[in-house]
Amino acid sequence: MRFSKVVVTLVVLLNAAFTVAVLFIFYRIGVEPVTLIGAWFAFTTVELWALAGIKKKEIEEGRSNAADDY
């Protein structure tokens, strides 16, 4: 599934950008946004788990297309 690869790549890049932004804010202000950090990583983790669940269900049902796996 090509779409899932794009989503996973996007989530990884967004997590890296978020981490850099939080470190910059912490450096400049000296306050760590604990709740925001927890919410962000919880959100992205749930998104990846949901995507993995969809892919697993497709594989179990035999709907996986060999052309989508490259």
PDB file of N, CA and C in Angstrom:
ATOM      1  N   MET A   1       0.855  -1.174   0.000  1.00  0.00           N
ATOM      2  CA  MET A   1       0.000   0.000   0.000  1.00  0.00           C
ATOM      3  C   MET A   1       0.903   1.240   0.000  1.00  0.00           C
ATOM      4  N   ARG A   2       0.926   1.927  -1.092  1.00  0.00           N
ATOM      5  CA  ARG A   2       1.801   3.090  -1.234  1.00  0.00           C
ATOM      6  C   ARG A   2       1.379   4.230  -0.319  1.00  0.00           C
ATOM      7  N   PHE A   3       0.079   4.380  -0.133  1.00  0.00           N
ATOM      8  CA  PHE A   3      -0.424   5.456   0.721  1.00  0.00           C
ATOM      9  C   PHE A   3       0.085   5.318   2.147  1.00  0.00           C
ATOM     10  N   SER A   4       0.137   4.093   2.650  1.00  0.00           N
ATOM     11  CA  SER A   4       0.592   3.878   4.021  1.00  0.00           C
ATOM     12  C   SER A   4       2.069   4.248   4.173  1.00  0.00           C
ATOM     13  N   LYS A   5       2.857   3.992   3.155  1.00  0.00           N
ATOM     14  CA  LYS A   5       4.276   4.359   3.219  1.00  0.00           C
ATOM     15  C   LYS A   5       4.441   5.869   3.283  1.00  0.00           C
ATOM     16  N   VAL A   6       3.605   6.590   2.574  1.00  0.00           N
ATOM     17  CA  VAL A   6       3.640   8.051   2.612  1.00  0.00           C
ATOM     18  C   VAL A   6       3.240   8.553   3.993  1.00  0.00           C
ATOM     19  N   VAL A   7       2.211   7.948   4.568  1.00  0.00           N
ATOM     20  CA  VAL A   7       1.745   8.367   5.893  1.00  0.00           C
ATOM     21  C   VAL A   7       2.814   8.100   6.946  1.00  0.00           C
ATOM     22  N   VAL A   8       3.431   6.925   6.897  1.00  0.00           N
ATOM     23  CA  VAL A   8       4.478   6.592   7.874  1.00  0.00           C
ATOM     24  C   VAL A   8       5.657   7.556   7.740  1.00  0.00           C
ATOM     25  N   THR A   9       6.068   7.827   6.530  1.00  0.00           N
ATOM     26  CA  THR A   9       7.165   8.763   6.304  1.00  0.00           C
ATOM     27  C   THR A   9       6.805  10.163   6.811  1.00  0.00           C
ATOM     28  N   LEU A  10       5.593  10.583   6.538  1.00  0.00           N
ATOM     29  CA  LEU A  10       5.135  11.894   6.996  1.00  0.00           C
ATOM     30  C   LEU A  10       5.111  11.972   8.516  1.00  0.00           C
ATOM     31  N   VAL A  11       4.641  10.929   9.170  1.00  0.00           N
ATOM     32  CA  VAL A  11       4.594  10.921  10.640  1.00  0.00           C
ATOM     33  C   VAL A  11       6.000  10.990  11.222  1.00  0.00           C
ATOM     34  N   VAL A  12       6.928  10.249  10.656  1.00  0.00           N
ATOM     35  CA  VAL A  12       8.310  10.283  11.150  1.00  0.00           C
ATOM     36  C   VAL A  12       8.904  11.680  10.972  1.00  0.00           C
ATOM     37  N   LEU A  13       8.692  12.284   9.819  1.00  0.00           N
ATOM     38  CA  LEU A  13       9.222  13.631   9.575  1.00  0.00           C
ATOM     39  C   LEU A  13       8.565  14.673  10.482  1.00  0.00           C
ATOM     40  N   LEU A  14       7.261  14.551  10.676  1.00  0.00           N
ATOM     41  CA  LEU A  14       6.565  15.479  11.575  1.00  0.00           C
ATOM     42  C   LEU A  14       7.027  15.309  13.017  1.00  0.00           C
ATOM     43  N   ASN A  15       7.273  14.077  13.441  1.00  0.00           N
ATOM     44  CA  ASN A  15       7.784  13.850  14.793  1.00  0.00           C
ATOM     45  C   ASN A  15       9.173  14.461  14.968  1.00  0.00           C
ATOM     46  N   ALA A  16      10.008  14.332  13.953  1.00  0.00           N
ATOM     47  CA  ALA A  16      11.342  14.929  14.029  1.00  0.00           C
ATOM     48  C   ALA A  16      11.249  16.452  14.084  1.00  0.00           C
ATOM     49  N   ALA A  17      10.393  17.038  13.244  1.00  0.00           N
ATOM     50  CA  ALA A  17      10.216  18.493  13.253  1.00  0.00           C
ATOM     51  C   ALA A  17       9.636  18.971  14.581  1.00  0.00           C
ATOM     52  N   PHE A  18       8.687  18.227  15.114  1.00  0.00           N
ATOM     53  CA  PHE A  18       8.094  18.576  16.406  1.00  0.00           C
ATOM     54  C   PHE A  18       9.148  18.540  17.507  1.00  0.00           C
ATOM     55  N   THR A  19       9.986  17.518  17.489  1.00  0.00           N
ATOM     56  CA  THR A  19      11.041  17.398  18.498  1.00  0.00           C
ATOM     57  C   THR A  19      12.002  18.571  18.426  1.00  0.00           C
ATOM     58  N   VAL A  20      12.400  18.959  17.230  1.00  0.00           N
ATOM     59  CA  VAL A  20      13.297  20.098  17.064  1.00  0.00           C
ATOM     60  C   VAL A  20      12.625  21.376  17.571  1.00  0.00           C
ATOM     61  N   ALA A  21      11.347  21.559  17.242  1.00  0.00           N
ATOM     62  CA  ALA A  21      10.618  22.752  17.690  1.00  0.00           C
ATOM     63  C   ALA A  21      10.501  22.799  19.208  1.00  0.00           C
ATOM     64  N   VAL A  22      10.225  21.661  19.832  1.00  0.00           N
ATOM     65  CA  VAL A  22      10.105  21.618  21.294  1.00  0.00           C
ATOM     66  C   VAL A  22      11.461  21.898  21.953  1.00  0.00           C
ATOM     67  N   LEU A  23      12.519  21.335  21.399  1.00  0.00           N
ATOM     68  CA  LEU A  23      13.845  21.607  21.951  1.00  0.00           C
ATOM     69  C   LEU A  23      14.202  23.091  21.829  1.00  0.00           C
ATOM     70  N   PHE A  24      13.840  23.691  20.705  1.00  0.00           N
ATOM     71  CA  PHE A  24      14.104  25.116  20.518  1.00  0.00           C
ATOM     72  C   PHE A  24      13.312  25.953  21.530  1.00  0.00           C
ATOM     73  N   ILE A  25      12.046  25.609  21.703  1.00  0.00           N
ATOM     74  CA  ILE A  25      11.218  26.330  22.681  1.00  0.00           C
ATOM     75  C   ILE A  25      11.787  26.157  24.077  1.00  0.00           C
ATOM     76  N   PHE A  26      12.195  24.949  24.412  1.00  0.00           N
ATOM     77  CA  PHE A  26      12.766  24.696  25.734  1.00  0.00           C
ATOM     78  C   PHE A  26      14.048  25.490  25.932  1.00  0.00           C
ATOM     79  N   TYR A  27      14.860  25.582  24.889  1.00  0.00           N
ATOM     80  CA  TYR A  27      16.104  26.345  24.964  1.00  0.00           C
ATOM     81  C   TYR A  27      15.829  27.834  25.159  1.00  0.00           C
ATOM     82  N   ARG A  28      14.866  28.366  24.417  1.00  0.00           N
ATOM     83  CA  ARG A  28      14.583  29.806  24.467  1.00  0.00           C
ATOM     84  C   ARG A  28      13.819  30.219  25.723  1.00  0.00           C
ATOM     85  N   ILE A  29      12.821  29.444  26.108  1.00  0.00           N
ATOM     86  CA  ILE A  29      11.935  29.841  27.198  1.00  0.00           C
ATOM     87  C   ILE A  29      12.285  29.133  28.503  1.00  0.00           C
ATOM     88  N   GLY A  30      12.757  27.912  28.408  1.00  0.00           N
ATOM     89  CA  GLY A  30      13.118  27.158  29.611  1.00  0.00           C
ATOM     90  C   GLY A  30      11.949  26.393  30.205  1.00  0.00           C
ATOM     91  N   VAL A  31      10.841  26.286  29.471  1.00  0.00           N
ATOM     92  CA  VAL A  31       9.671  25.561  29.951  1.00  0.00           C
ATOM     93  C   VAL A  31       9.369  24.438  28.969  1.00  0.00           C
ATOM     94  N   GLU A  32       9.198  23.248  29.514  1.00  0.00           N
ATOM     95  CA  GLU A  32       8.900  22.091  28.679  1.00  0.00           C
ATOM     96  C   GLU A  32       7.389  21.895  28.597  1.00  0.00           C
ATOM     97  N   PRO A  33       6.812  21.874  27.385  1.00  0.00           N
ATOM     98  CA  PRO A  33       5.365  21.674  27.250  1.00  0.00           C
ATOM     99  C   PRO A  33       5.000  20.186  27.366  1.00  0.00           C
ATOM    100  N   VAL A  34       4.980  19.690  28.592  1.00  0.00           N
ATOM    101  CA  VAL A  34       4.816  18.262  28.849  1.00  0.00           C
ATOM    102  C   VAL A  34       3.506  17.726  28.275  1.00  0.00           C
ATOM    103  N   THR A  35       2.413  18.416  28.499  1.00  0.00           N
ATOM    104  CA  THR A  35       1.115  17.947  28.031  1.00  0.00           C
ATOM    105  C   THR A  35       1.062  17.913  26.505  1.00  0.00           C
ATOM    106  N   LEU A  36       1.589  18.926  25.866  1.00  0.00           N
ATOM    107  CA  LEU A  36       1.615  18.968  24.406  1.00  0.00           C
ATOM    108  C   LEU A  36       2.457  17.832  23.846  1.00  0.00           C
ATOM    109  N   ILE A  37       3.590  17.577  24.449  1.00  0.00           N
ATOM    110  CA  ILE A  37       4.461  16.495  23.989  1.00  0.00           C
ATOM    111  C   ILE A  37       3.742  15.153  24.111  1.00  0.00           C
ATOM    112  N   GLY A  38       3.134  14.913  25.258  1.00  0.00           N
ATOM    113  CA  GLY A  38       2.410  13.661  25.460  1.00  0.00           C
ATOM    114  C   GLY A  38       1.267  13.484  24.486  1.00  0.00           C
ATOM    115  N   ALA A  39       0.514  14.554  24.255  1.00  0.00           N
ATOM    116  CA  ALA A  39      -0.626  14.486  23.338  1.00  0.00           C
ATOM    117  C   ALA A  39      -0.150  14.249  21.906  1.00  0.00           C
ATOM    118  N   TRP A  40       0.904  14.921  21.500  1.00  0.00           N
ATOM    119  CA  TRP A  40       1.397  14.783  20.123  1.00  0.00           C
ATOM    120  C   TRP A  40       1.854  13.354  19.840  1.00  0.00           C
ATOM    121  N   PHE A  41       2.693  12.818  20.720  1.00  0.00           N
ATOM    122  CA  PHE A  41       3.211  11.482  20.473  1.00  0.00           C
ATOM    123  C   PHE A  41       2.143  10.414  20.664  1.00  0.00           C
ATOM    124  N   ALA A  42       1.177  10.645  21.517  1.00  0.00           N
ATOM    125  CA  ALA A  42       0.054   9.716  21.645  1.00  0.00           C
ATOM    126  C   ALA A  42      -0.761   9.710  20.348  1.00  0.00           C
ATOM    127  N   PHE A  43      -1.008  10.884  19.796  1.00  0.00           N
ATOM    128  CA  PHE A  43      -1.754  10.999  18.542  1.00  0.00           C
ATOM    129  C   PHE A  43      -1.050  10.273  17.403  1.00  0.00           C
ATOM    130  N   THR A  44       0.241  10.532  17.227  1.00  0.00           N
ATOM    131  CA  THR A  44       0.956   9.912  16.109  1.00  0.00           C
ATOM    132  C   THR A  44       1.095   8.403  16.303  1.00  0.00           C
ATOM    133  N   THR A  45       1.244   7.961  17.541  1.00  0.00           N
ATOM    134  CA  THR A  45       1.336   6.530  17.802  1.00  0.00           C
ATOM    135  C   THR A  45       0.023   5.827  17.462  1.00  0.00           C
ATOM    136  N   VAL A  46      -1.085   6.425  17.862  1.00  0.00           N
ATOM    137  CA  VAL A  46      -2.393   5.835  17.560  1.00  0.00           C
ATOM    138  C   VAL A  46      -2.629   5.805  16.054  1.00  0.00           C
ATOM    139  N   GLU A  47      -2.227   6.829  15.356  1.00  0.00           N
ATOM    140  CA  GLU A  47      -2.384   6.846  13.902  1.00  0.00           C
ATOM    141  C   GLU A  47      -1.603   5.704  13.242  1.00  0.00           C
ATOM    142  N   LEU A  48      -0.375   5.486  13.686  1.00  0.00           N
ATOM    143  CA  LEU A  48       0.429   4.411  13.111  1.00  0.00           C
ATOM    144  C   LEU A  48      -0.138   3.037  13.464  1.00  0.00           C
ATOM    145  N   TRP A  49      -0.620   2.871  14.695  1.00  0.00           N
ATOM    146  CA  TRP A  49      -1.233   1.595  15.086  1.00  0.00           C
ATOM    147  C   TRP A  49      -2.491   1.331  14.269  1.00  0.00           C
ATOM    148  N   ALA A  50      -3.286   2.354  14.040  1.00  0.00           N
ATOM    149  CA  ALA A  50      -4.501   2.190  13.238  1.00  0.00           C
ATOM    150  C   ALA A  50      -4.155   1.798  11.806  1.00  0.00           C
ATOM    151  N   LEU A  51      -3.155   2.435  11.248  1.00  0.00           N
ATOM    152  CA  LEU A  51      -2.723   2.107   9.893  1.00  0.00           C
ATOM    153  C   LEU A  51      -2.212   0.672   9.821  1.00  0.00           C
ATOM    154  N   ALA A  52      -1.465   0.244  10.837  1.00  0.00           N
ATOM    155  CA  ALA A  52      -0.976  -1.133  10.880  1.00  0.00           C
ATOM    156  C   ALA A  52      -2.134  -2.122  11.003  1.00  0.00           C
ATOM    157  N   GLY A  53      -3.147  -1.759  11.771  1.00  0.00           N
ATOM    158  CA  GLY A  53      -4.316  -2.623  11.913  1.00  0.00           C
ATOM    159  C   GLY A  53      -5.066  -2.785  10.605  1.00  0.00           C
ATOM    160  N   ILE A  54      -5.183  -1.705   9.861  1.00  0.00           N
ATOM    161  CA  ILE A  54      -5.849  -1.767   8.554  1.00  0.00           C
ATOM    162  C   ILE A  54      -5.066  -2.677   7.613  1.00  0.00           C
ATOM    163  N   LYS A  55      -3.770  -2.513   7.588  1.00  0.00           N
ATOM    164  CA  LYS A  55      -2.928  -3.332   6.705  1.00  0.00           C
ATOM    165  C   LYS A  55      -3.004  -4.796   7.111  1.00  0.00           C
ATOM    166  N   LYS A  56      -2.984  -5.077   8.409  1.00  0.00           N
ATOM    167  CA  LYS A  56      -3.065  -6.453   8.897  1.00  0.00           C
ATOM    168  C   LYS A  56      -4.385  -7.097   8.485  1.00  0.00           C
ATOM    169  N   LYS A  57      -5.458  -6.347   8.611  1.00  0.00           N
ATOM    170  CA  LYS A  57      -6.775  -6.874   8.228  1.00  0.00           C
ATOM    171  C   LYS A  57      -6.833  -7.156   6.723  1.00  0.00           C
ATOM    172  N   GLU A  58      -6.257  -6.281   5.926  1.00  0.00           N
ATOM    173  CA  GLU A  58      -6.223  -6.504   4.478  1.00  0.00           C
ATOM    174  C   GLU A  58      -5.450  -7.772   4.142  1.00  0.00           C
ATOM    175  N   ILE A  59      -4.348  -7.988   4.825  1.00  0.00           N
ATOM    176  CA  ILE A  59      -3.535  -9.182   4.569  1.00  0.00           C
ATOM    177  C   ILE A  59      -4.300 -10.434   4.978  1.00  0.00           C
ATOM    178  N   GLU A  60      -4.948 -10.382   6.134  1.00  0.00           N
ATOM    179  CA  GLU A  60      -5.711 -11.538   6.606  1.00  0.00           C
ATOM    180  C   GLU A  60      -6.864 -11.877   5.677  1.00  0.00           C
ATOM    181  N   GLU A  61      -7.478 -10.887   5.077  1.00  0.00           N
ATOM    182  CA  GLU A  61      -8.596 -11.118   4.173  1.00  0.00           C
ATOM    183  C   GLU A  61      -8.142 -11.450   2.754  1.00  0.00           C
ATOM    184  N   GLY A  62      -6.847 -11.405   2.521  1.00  0.00           N
ATOM    185  CA  GLY A  62      -6.313 -11.760   1.217  1.00  0.00           C
ATOM    186  C   GLY A  62      -6.499 -10.681   0.171  1.00  0.00           C
ATOM    187  N   ARG A  63      -6.759  -9.451   0.623  1.00  0.00           N
ATOM    188  CA  ARG A  63      -6.964  -8.360  -0.333  1.00  0.00           C
ATOM    189  C   ARG A  63      -5.686  -7.627  -0.677  1.00  0.00           C
ATOM    190  N   SER A  64      -4.569  -8.081  -0.111  1.00  0.00           N
ATOM    191  CA  SER A  64      -3.307  -7.398  -0.375  1.00  0.00           C
ATOM    192  C   SER A  64      -2.895  -7.628  -1.822  1.00  0.00           C
ATOM    193  N   ASN A  65      -2.582  -6.567  -2.490  1.00  0.00           N
ATOM    194  CA  ASN A  65      -2.181  -6.633  -3.889  1.00  0.00           C
ATOM    195  C   ASN A  65      -0.656  -6.602  -3.946  1.00  0.00           C
ATOM    196  N   ALA A  66      -0.049  -7.486  -4.702  1.00  0.00           N
ATOM    197  CA  ALA A  66       1.404  -7.553  -4.796  1.00  0.00           C
ATOM    198  C   ALA A  66       1.969  -6.245  -5.342  1.00  0.00           C
ATOM    199  N   ALA A  67       1.239  -5.549  -6.175  1.00  0.00           N
ATOM    200  CA  ALA A  67       1.723  -4.294  -6.759  1.00  0.00           C
ATOM    201  C   ALA A  67       1.787  -3.183  -5.705  1.00  0.00           C
ATOM    202  N   ASP A  68       0.991  -3.304  -4.644  1.00  0.00           N
ATOM    203  CA  ASP A  68       0.988  -2.273  -3.600  1.00  0.00           C
ATOM    204  C   ASP A  68       2.146  -2.416  -2.634  1.00  0.00           C
ATOM    205  N   ASP A  69       2.848  -3.544  -2.635  1.00  0.00           N
ATOM    206  CA  ASP A  69       3.878  -3.807  -1.648  1.00  0.00           C
ATOM    207  C   ASP A  69       5.250  -3.278  -2.008  1.00  0.00           C
ATOM    208  N   TYR A  70       5.417  -2.730  -3.180  1.00  0.00           N
ATOM    209  CA  TYR A  70       6.756  -2.234  -3.550  1.00  0.00           C
ATOM    210  C   TYR A  70       7.025  -0.873  -3.046  1.00  0.00           C
TER     211      TYR A  70
END
